[in-house]
Amino acid sequence: FTNYAMGWFRQAQGREREFVAAISRS
């Protein structure tokens, strides 16, 4: 798990996937 930066994305109906937030490995 600690090898990865983690992110949240979202996709609304009829829309493209978009970035919400991310956090570094530490």
PDB file of all heavy atoms in Angstrom:
ATOM      1  N   PHE A   1       0.816  -1.206   0.000  1.00  0.00           N
ATOM      2  CA  PHE A   1       0.000   0.000   0.000  1.00  0.00           C
ATOM      3  C   PHE A   1       0.856   1.266   0.000  1.00  0.00           C
ATOM      4  O   PHE A   1       0.547   2.237  -0.703  1.00  0.00           O
ATOM      5  CB  PHE A   1      -0.945  -0.019   1.199  1.00  0.00           C
ATOM      6  CG  PHE A   1      -1.841   1.184   1.306  1.00  0.00           C
ATOM      7  CD1 PHE A   1      -2.809   1.437   0.348  1.00  0.00           C
ATOM      8  CD2 PHE A   1      -1.727   2.065   2.376  1.00  0.00           C
ATOM      9  CE1 PHE A   1      -3.646   2.537   0.446  1.00  0.00           C
ATOM     10  CE2 PHE A   1      -2.563   3.164   2.487  1.00  0.00           C
ATOM     11  CZ  PHE A   1      -3.521   3.396   1.523  1.00  0.00           C
ATOM     12  N   THR A   2       1.935   1.275   0.772  1.00  0.00           N
ATOM     13  CA  THR A   2       2.756   2.473   0.895  1.00  0.00           C
ATOM     14  C   THR A   2       3.593   2.756  -0.345  1.00  0.00           C
ATOM     15  O   THR A   2       4.245   3.798  -0.416  1.00  0.00           O
ATOM     16  CB  THR A   2       3.678   2.387   2.123  1.00  0.00           C
ATOM     17  OG1 THR A   2       4.486   1.210   2.045  1.00  0.00           O
ATOM     18  CG2 THR A   2       2.854   2.354   3.403  1.00  0.00           C
ATOM     19  N   ASN A   3       3.594   1.860  -1.334  1.00  0.00           N
ATOM     20  CA  ASN A   3       4.285   2.108  -2.593  1.00  0.00           C
ATOM     21  C   ASN A   3       3.514   3.057  -3.500  1.00  0.00           C
ATOM     22  O   ASN A   3       4.058   3.515  -4.508  1.00  0.00           O
ATOM     23  CB  ASN A   3       4.530   0.801  -3.352  1.00  0.00           C
ATOM     24  CG  ASN A   3       5.594  -0.067  -2.714  1.00  0.00           C
ATOM     25  OD1 ASN A   3       6.327   0.374  -1.830  1.00  0.00           O
ATOM     26  ND2 ASN A   3       5.677  -1.307  -3.157  1.00  0.00           N
ATOM     27  N   TYR A   4       2.249   3.345  -3.176  1.00  0.00           N
ATOM     28  CA  TYR A   4       1.359   4.059  -4.073  1.00  0.00           C
ATOM     29  C   TYR A   4       0.910   5.397  -3.512  1.00  0.00           C
ATOM     30  O   TYR A   4       0.524   5.503  -2.342  1.00  0.00           O
ATOM     31  CB  TYR A   4       0.105   3.229  -4.372  1.00  0.00           C
ATOM     32  CG  TYR A   4       0.378   1.916  -5.062  1.00  0.00           C
ATOM     33  CD1 TYR A   4       0.576   0.762  -4.327  1.00  0.00           C
ATOM     34  CD2 TYR A   4       0.421   1.844  -6.447  1.00  0.00           C
ATOM     35  CE1 TYR A   4       0.825  -0.445  -4.954  1.00  0.00           C
ATOM     36  CE2 TYR A   4       0.668   0.636  -7.079  1.00  0.00           C
ATOM     37  CZ  TYR A   4       0.869  -0.503  -6.327  1.00  0.00           C
ATOM     38  OH  TYR A   4       1.111  -1.694  -6.958  1.00  0.00           O
ATOM     39  N   ALA A   5       0.937   6.423  -4.370  1.00  0.00           N
ATOM     40  CA  ALA A   5       0.106   7.587  -4.130  1.00  0.00           C
ATOM     41  C   ALA A   5      -1.347   7.177  -4.381  1.00  0.00           C
ATOM     42  O   ALA A   5      -1.617   6.334  -5.237  1.00  0.00           O
ATOM     43  CB  ALA A   5       0.500   8.735  -5.053  1.00  0.00           C
ATOM     44  N   MET A   6      -2.279   7.758  -3.631  1.00  0.00           N
ATOM     45  CA  MET A   6      -3.681   7.380  -3.733  1.00  0.00           C
ATOM     46  C   MET A   6      -4.521   8.577  -4.164  1.00  0.00           C
ATOM     47  O   MET A   6      -4.264   9.711  -3.755  1.00  0.00           O
ATOM     48  CB  MET A   6      -4.199   6.845  -2.403  1.00  0.00           C
ATOM     49  CG  MET A   6      -3.467   5.603  -1.897  1.00  0.00           C
ATOM     50  SD  MET A   6      -3.650   4.175  -3.003  1.00  0.00           S
ATOM     51  CE  MET A   6      -5.427   3.932  -2.942  1.00  0.00           C
ATOM     52  N   GLY A   7      -5.540   8.299  -4.971  1.00  0.00           N
ATOM     53  CA  GLY A   7      -6.402   9.364  -5.445  1.00  0.00           C
ATOM     54  C   GLY A   7      -7.863   8.982  -5.437  1.00  0.00           C
ATOM     55  O   GLY A   7      -8.220   7.802  -5.381  1.00  0.00           O
ATOM     56  N   TRP A   8      -8.712  10.001  -5.456  1.00  0.00           N
ATOM     57  CA  TRP A   8     -10.150   9.843  -5.641  1.00  0.00           C
ATOM     58  C   TRP A   8     -10.553  10.544  -6.931  1.00  0.00           C
ATOM     59  O   TRP A   8     -10.156  11.691  -7.184  1.00  0.00           O
ATOM     60  CB  TRP A   8     -10.947  10.434  -4.472  1.00  0.00           C
ATOM     61  CG  TRP A   8     -10.876   9.627  -3.213  1.00  0.00           C
ATOM     62  CD1 TRP A   8     -10.030   9.803  -2.167  1.00  0.00           C
ATOM     63  CD2 TRP A   8     -11.715   8.510  -2.880  1.00  0.00           C
ATOM     64  NE1 TRP A   8     -10.286   8.864  -1.186  1.00  0.00           N
ATOM     65  CE2 TRP A   8     -11.313   8.061  -1.606  1.00  0.00           C
ATOM     66  CE3 TRP A   8     -12.761   7.854  -3.525  1.00  0.00           C
ATOM     67  CZ2 TRP A   8     -11.921   6.978  -0.965  1.00  0.00           C
ATOM     68  CZ3 TRP A   8     -13.360   6.783  -2.891  1.00  0.00           C
ATOM     69  CH2 TRP A   8     -12.939   6.353  -1.629  1.00  0.00           C
ATOM     70  N   PHE A   9     -11.332   9.847  -7.746  1.00  0.00           N
ATOM     71  CA  PHE A   9     -11.905  10.386  -8.972  1.00  0.00           C
ATOM     72  C   PHE A   9     -13.413  10.203  -8.925  1.00  0.00           C
ATOM     73  O   PHE A   9     -13.930   9.423  -8.124  1.00  0.00           O
ATOM     74  CB  PHE A   9     -11.329   9.678 -10.204  1.00  0.00           C
ATOM     75  CG  PHE A   9      -9.878   9.959 -10.455  1.00  0.00           C
ATOM     76  CD1 PHE A   9      -8.892   9.357  -9.690  1.00  0.00           C
ATOM     77  CD2 PHE A   9      -9.495  10.828 -11.461  1.00  0.00           C
ATOM     78  CE1 PHE A   9      -7.551   9.612  -9.917  1.00  0.00           C
ATOM     79  CE2 PHE A   9      -8.157  11.089 -11.707  1.00  0.00           C
ATOM     80  CZ  PHE A   9      -7.184  10.483 -10.935  1.00  0.00           C
ATOM     81  N   ARG A  10     -14.116  10.905  -9.795  1.00  0.00           N
ATOM     82  CA  ARG A  10     -15.560  10.724  -9.876  1.00  0.00           C
ATOM     83  C   ARG A  10     -16.012  10.809 -11.325  1.00  0.00           C
ATOM     84  O   ARG A  10     -15.365  11.432 -12.160  1.00  0.00           O
ATOM     85  CB  ARG A  10     -16.307  11.751  -9.023  1.00  0.00           C
ATOM     86  CG  ARG A  10     -16.268  13.178  -9.549  1.00  0.00           C
ATOM     87  CD  ARG A  10     -16.904  14.123  -8.548  1.00  0.00           C
ATOM     88  NE  ARG A  10     -17.078  15.465  -9.085  1.00  0.00           N
ATOM     89  CZ  ARG A  10     -17.490  16.500  -8.370  1.00  0.00           C
ATOM     90  NH1 ARG A  10     -17.788  16.357  -7.079  1.00  0.00           N
ATOM     91  NH2 ARG A  10     -17.619  17.697  -8.949  1.00  0.00           N
ATOM     92  N   GLN A  11     -17.145  10.160 -11.602  1.00  0.00           N
ATOM     93  CA  GLN A  11     -17.717  10.190 -12.939  1.00  0.00           C
ATOM     94  C   GLN A  11     -19.227  10.287 -12.833  1.00  0.00           C
ATOM     95  O   GLN A  11     -19.886   9.376 -12.331  1.00  0.00           O
ATOM     96  CB  GLN A  11     -17.320   8.947 -13.739  1.00  0.00           C
ATOM     97  CG  GLN A  11     -17.746   8.999 -15.197  1.00  0.00           C
ATOM     98  CD  GLN A  11     -17.050   7.946 -16.045  1.00  0.00           C
ATOM     99  OE1 GLN A  11     -16.520   6.968 -15.531  1.00  0.00           O
ATOM    100  NE2 GLN A  11     -17.038   8.157 -17.349  1.00  0.00           N
ATOM    101  N   ALA A  12     -19.767  11.403 -13.292  1.00  0.00           N
ATOM    102  CA  ALA A  12     -21.209  11.604 -13.347  1.00  0.00           C
ATOM    103  C   ALA A  12     -21.751  11.049 -14.652  1.00  0.00           C
ATOM    104  O   ALA A  12     -21.033  10.938 -15.648  1.00  0.00           O
ATOM    105  CB  ALA A  12     -21.539  13.085 -13.211  1.00  0.00           C
ATOM    106  N   GLN A  13     -23.037  10.710 -14.663  1.00  0.00           N
ATOM    107  CA  GLN A  13     -23.659  10.160 -15.857  1.00  0.00           C
ATOM    108  C   GLN A  13     -23.526  11.131 -17.017  1.00  0.00           C
ATOM    109  O   GLN A  13     -23.861  12.311 -16.892  1.00  0.00           O
ATOM    110  CB  GLN A  13     -25.126   9.841 -15.591  1.00  0.00           C
ATOM    111  CG  GLN A  13     -25.821   9.140 -16.744  1.00  0.00           C
ATOM    112  CD  GLN A  13     -27.230   8.709 -16.403  1.00  0.00           C
ATOM    113  OE1 GLN A  13     -27.773   9.085 -15.361  1.00  0.00           O
ATOM    114  NE2 GLN A  13     -27.838   7.929 -17.271  1.00  0.00           N
ATOM    115  N   GLY A  14     -23.024  10.639 -18.140  1.00  0.00           N
ATOM    116  CA  GLY A  14     -22.854  11.457 -19.322  1.00  0.00           C
ATOM    117  C   GLY A  14     -21.639  12.351 -19.305  1.00  0.00           C
ATOM    118  O   GLY A  14     -21.450  13.143 -20.239  1.00  0.00           O
ATOM    119  N   ARG A  15     -20.802  12.244 -18.273  1.00  0.00           N
ATOM    120  CA  ARG A  15     -19.611  13.073 -18.155  1.00  0.00           C
ATOM    121  C   ARG A  15     -18.361  12.195 -18.130  1.00  0.00           C
ATOM    122  O   ARG A  15     -18.423  10.997 -17.871  1.00  0.00           O
ATOM    123  CB  ARG A  15     -19.656  13.919 -16.876  1.00  0.00           C
ATOM    124  CG  ARG A  15     -20.961  14.660 -16.650  1.00  0.00           C
ATOM    125  CD  ARG A  15     -21.162  15.764 -17.670  1.00  0.00           C
ATOM    126  NE  ARG A  15     -20.196  16.843 -17.495  1.00  0.00           N
ATOM    127  CZ  ARG A  15     -20.200  17.980 -18.182  1.00  0.00           C
ATOM    128  NH1 ARG A  15     -21.119  18.180 -19.108  1.00  0.00           N
ATOM    129  NH2 ARG A  15     -19.289  18.909 -17.950  1.00  0.00           N
ATOM    130  N   GLU A  16     -17.214  12.800 -18.394  1.00  0.00           N
ATOM    131  CA  GLU A  16     -15.945  12.085 -18.310  1.00  0.00           C
ATOM    132  C   GLU A  16     -15.472  12.003 -16.867  1.00  0.00           C
ATOM    133  O   GLU A  16     -15.858  12.805 -16.017  1.00  0.00           O
ATOM    134  CB  GLU A  16     -14.885  12.765 -19.173  1.00  0.00           C
ATOM    135  CG  GLU A  16     -15.158  12.698 -20.659  1.00  0.00           C
ATOM    136  CD  GLU A  16     -13.999  13.201 -21.484  1.00  0.00           C
ATOM    137  OE1 GLU A  16     -13.110  13.872 -20.932  1.00  0.00           O
ATOM    138  OE2 GLU A  16     -13.980  12.909 -22.696  1.00  0.00           O
ATOM    139  N   ARG A  17     -14.640  11.012 -16.595  1.00  0.00           N
ATOM    140  CA  ARG A  17     -14.062  10.858 -15.274  1.00  0.00           C
ATOM    141  C   ARG A  17     -13.186  12.066 -14.940  1.00  0.00           C
ATOM    142  O   ARG A  17     -12.418  12.543 -15.776  1.00  0.00           O
ATOM    143  CB  ARG A  17     -13.242   9.572 -15.214  1.00  0.00           C
ATOM    144  CG  ARG A  17     -12.765   9.182 -13.828  1.00  0.00           C
ATOM    145  CD  ARG A  17     -12.106   7.806 -13.865  1.00  0.00           C
ATOM    146  NE  ARG A  17     -13.027   6.799 -14.391  1.00  0.00           N
ATOM    147  CZ  ARG A  17     -12.698   5.534 -14.593  1.00  0.00           C
ATOM    148  NH1 ARG A  17     -11.478   5.111 -14.313  1.00  0.00           N
ATOM    149  NH2 ARG A  17     -13.598   4.691 -15.080  1.00  0.00           N
ATOM    150  N   GLU A  18     -13.295  12.576 -13.712  1.00  0.00           N
ATOM    151  CA  GLU A  18     -12.537  13.745 -13.326  1.00  0.00           C
ATOM    152  C   GLU A  18     -11.848  13.547 -11.977  1.00  0.00           C
ATOM    153  O   GLU A  18     -12.336  12.843 -11.100  1.00  0.00           O
ATOM    154  CB  GLU A  18     -13.425  14.999 -13.281  1.00  0.00           C
ATOM    155  CG  GLU A  18     -14.566  14.949 -12.285  1.00  0.00           C
ATOM    156  CD  GLU A  18     -15.449  16.180 -12.350  1.00  0.00           C
ATOM    157  OE1 GLU A  18     -15.133  17.122 -13.109  1.00  0.00           O
ATOM    158  OE2 GLU A  18     -16.466  16.214 -11.630  1.00  0.00           O
ATOM    159  N   PHE A  19     -10.720  14.205 -11.835  1.00  0.00           N
ATOM    160  CA  PHE A  19      -9.919  14.146 -10.624  1.00  0.00           C
ATOM    161  C   PHE A  19     -10.591  14.894  -9.488  1.00  0.00           C
ATOM    162  O   PHE A  19     -11.145  15.975  -9.687  1.00  0.00           O
ATOM    163  CB  PHE A  19      -8.539  14.748 -10.907  1.00  0.00           C
ATOM    164  CG  PHE A  19      -7.682  14.956  -9.701  1.00  0.00           C
ATOM    165  CD1 PHE A  19      -7.000  13.901  -9.121  1.00  0.00           C
ATOM    166  CD2 PHE A  19      -7.540  16.215  -9.144  1.00  0.00           C
ATOM    167  CE1 PHE A  19      -6.195  14.086  -8.014  1.00  0.00           C
ATOM    168  CE2 PHE A  19      -6.735  16.418  -8.039  1.00  0.00           C
ATOM    169  CZ  PHE A  19      -6.064  15.344  -7.473  1.00  0.00           C
ATOM    170  N   VAL A  20     -10.537  14.330  -8.280  1.00  0.00           N
ATOM    171  CA  VAL A  20     -11.098  14.964  -7.094  1.00  0.00           C
ATOM    172  C   VAL A  20     -10.004  15.348  -6.107  1.00  0.00           C
ATOM    173  O   VAL A  20      -9.893  16.502  -5.705  1.00  0.00           O
ATOM    174  CB  VAL A  20     -12.137  14.058  -6.401  1.00  0.00           C
ATOM    175  CG1 VAL A  20     -12.643  14.707  -5.117  1.00  0.00           C
ATOM    176  CG2 VAL A  20     -13.289  13.753  -7.344  1.00  0.00           C
ATOM    177  N   ALA A  21      -9.185  14.374  -5.702  1.00  0.00           N
ATOM    178  CA  ALA A  21      -8.151  14.621  -4.699  1.00  0.00           C
ATOM    179  C   ALA A  21      -7.127  13.501  -4.740  1.00  0.00           C
ATOM    180  O   ALA A  21      -7.413  12.395  -5.204  1.00  0.00           O
ATOM    181  CB  ALA A  21      -8.754  14.724  -3.293  1.00  0.00           C
ATOM    182  N   ALA A  22      -5.919  13.774  -4.241  1.00  0.00           N
ATOM    183  CA  ALA A  22      -4.872  12.762  -4.165  1.00  0.00           C
ATOM    184  C   ALA A  22      -3.988  13.024  -2.964  1.00  0.00           C
ATOM    185  O   ALA A  22      -3.935  14.146  -2.447  1.00  0.00           O
ATOM    186  CB  ALA A  22      -4.030  12.741  -5.449  1.00  0.00           C
ATOM    187  N   ILE A  23      -3.277  11.982  -2.532  1.00  0.00           N
ATOM    188  CA  ILE A  23      -2.403  12.075  -1.375  1.00  0.00           C
ATOM    189  C   ILE A  23      -1.138  11.274  -1.638  1.00  0.00           C
ATOM    190  O   ILE A  23      -1.171  10.217  -2.272  1.00  0.00           O
ATOM    191  CB  ILE A  23      -3.135  11.593  -0.098  1.00  0.00           C
ATOM    192  CG1 ILE A  23      -2.326  11.898   1.162  1.00  0.00           C
ATOM    193  CG2 ILE A  23      -3.484  10.108  -0.198  1.00  0.00           C
ATOM    194  CD1 ILE A  23      -3.156  11.768   2.436  1.00  0.00           C
ATOM    195  N   SER A  24      -0.007  11.782  -1.156  1.00  0.00           N
ATOM    196  CA  SER A  24       1.278  11.140  -1.389  1.00  0.00           C
ATOM    197  C   SER A  24       1.407   9.851  -0.597  1.00  0.00           C
ATOM    198  O   SER A  24       0.584   9.533   0.263  1.00  0.00           O
ATOM    199  CB  SER A  24       2.413  12.101  -1.029  1.00  0.00           C
ATOM    200  OG  SER A  24       2.421  12.369   0.362  1.00  0.00           O
ATOM    201  N   ARG A  25       2.470   9.098  -0.885  1.00  0.00           N
ATOM    202  CA  ARG A  25       2.674   7.806  -0.235  1.00  0.00           C
ATOM    203  C   ARG A  25       2.781   7.925   1.279  1.00  0.00           C
ATOM    204  O   ARG A  25       2.262   7.073   2.009  1.00  0.00           O
ATOM    205  CB  ARG A  25       3.913   7.122  -0.817  1.00  0.00           C
ATOM    206  CG  ARG A  25       3.737   6.604  -2.241  1.00  0.00           C
ATOM    207  CD  ARG A  25       5.052   6.159  -2.835  1.00  0.00           C
ATOM    208  NE  ARG A  25       5.914   7.299  -3.121  1.00  0.00           N
ATOM    209  CZ  ARG A  25       7.115   7.210  -3.671  1.00  0.00           C
ATOM    210  NH1 ARG A  25       7.606   6.016  -4.003  1.00  0.00           N
ATOM    211  NH2 ARG A  25       7.829   8.301  -3.889  1.00  0.00           N
ATOM    212  N   SER A  26       3.422   8.974   1.753  1.00  0.00           N
ATOM    213  CA  SER A  26       3.579   9.179   3.183  1.00  0.00           C
ATOM    214  C   SER A  26       2.382   9.887   3.815  1.00  0.00           C
ATOM    215  O   SER A  26       2.222   9.851   5.037  1.00  0.00           O
ATOM    216  CB  SER A  26       4.831   9.995   3.465  1.00  0.00           C
ATOM    217  OG  SER A  26       4.678  11.329   3.017  1.00  0.00           O
TER     218      SER A  26
END
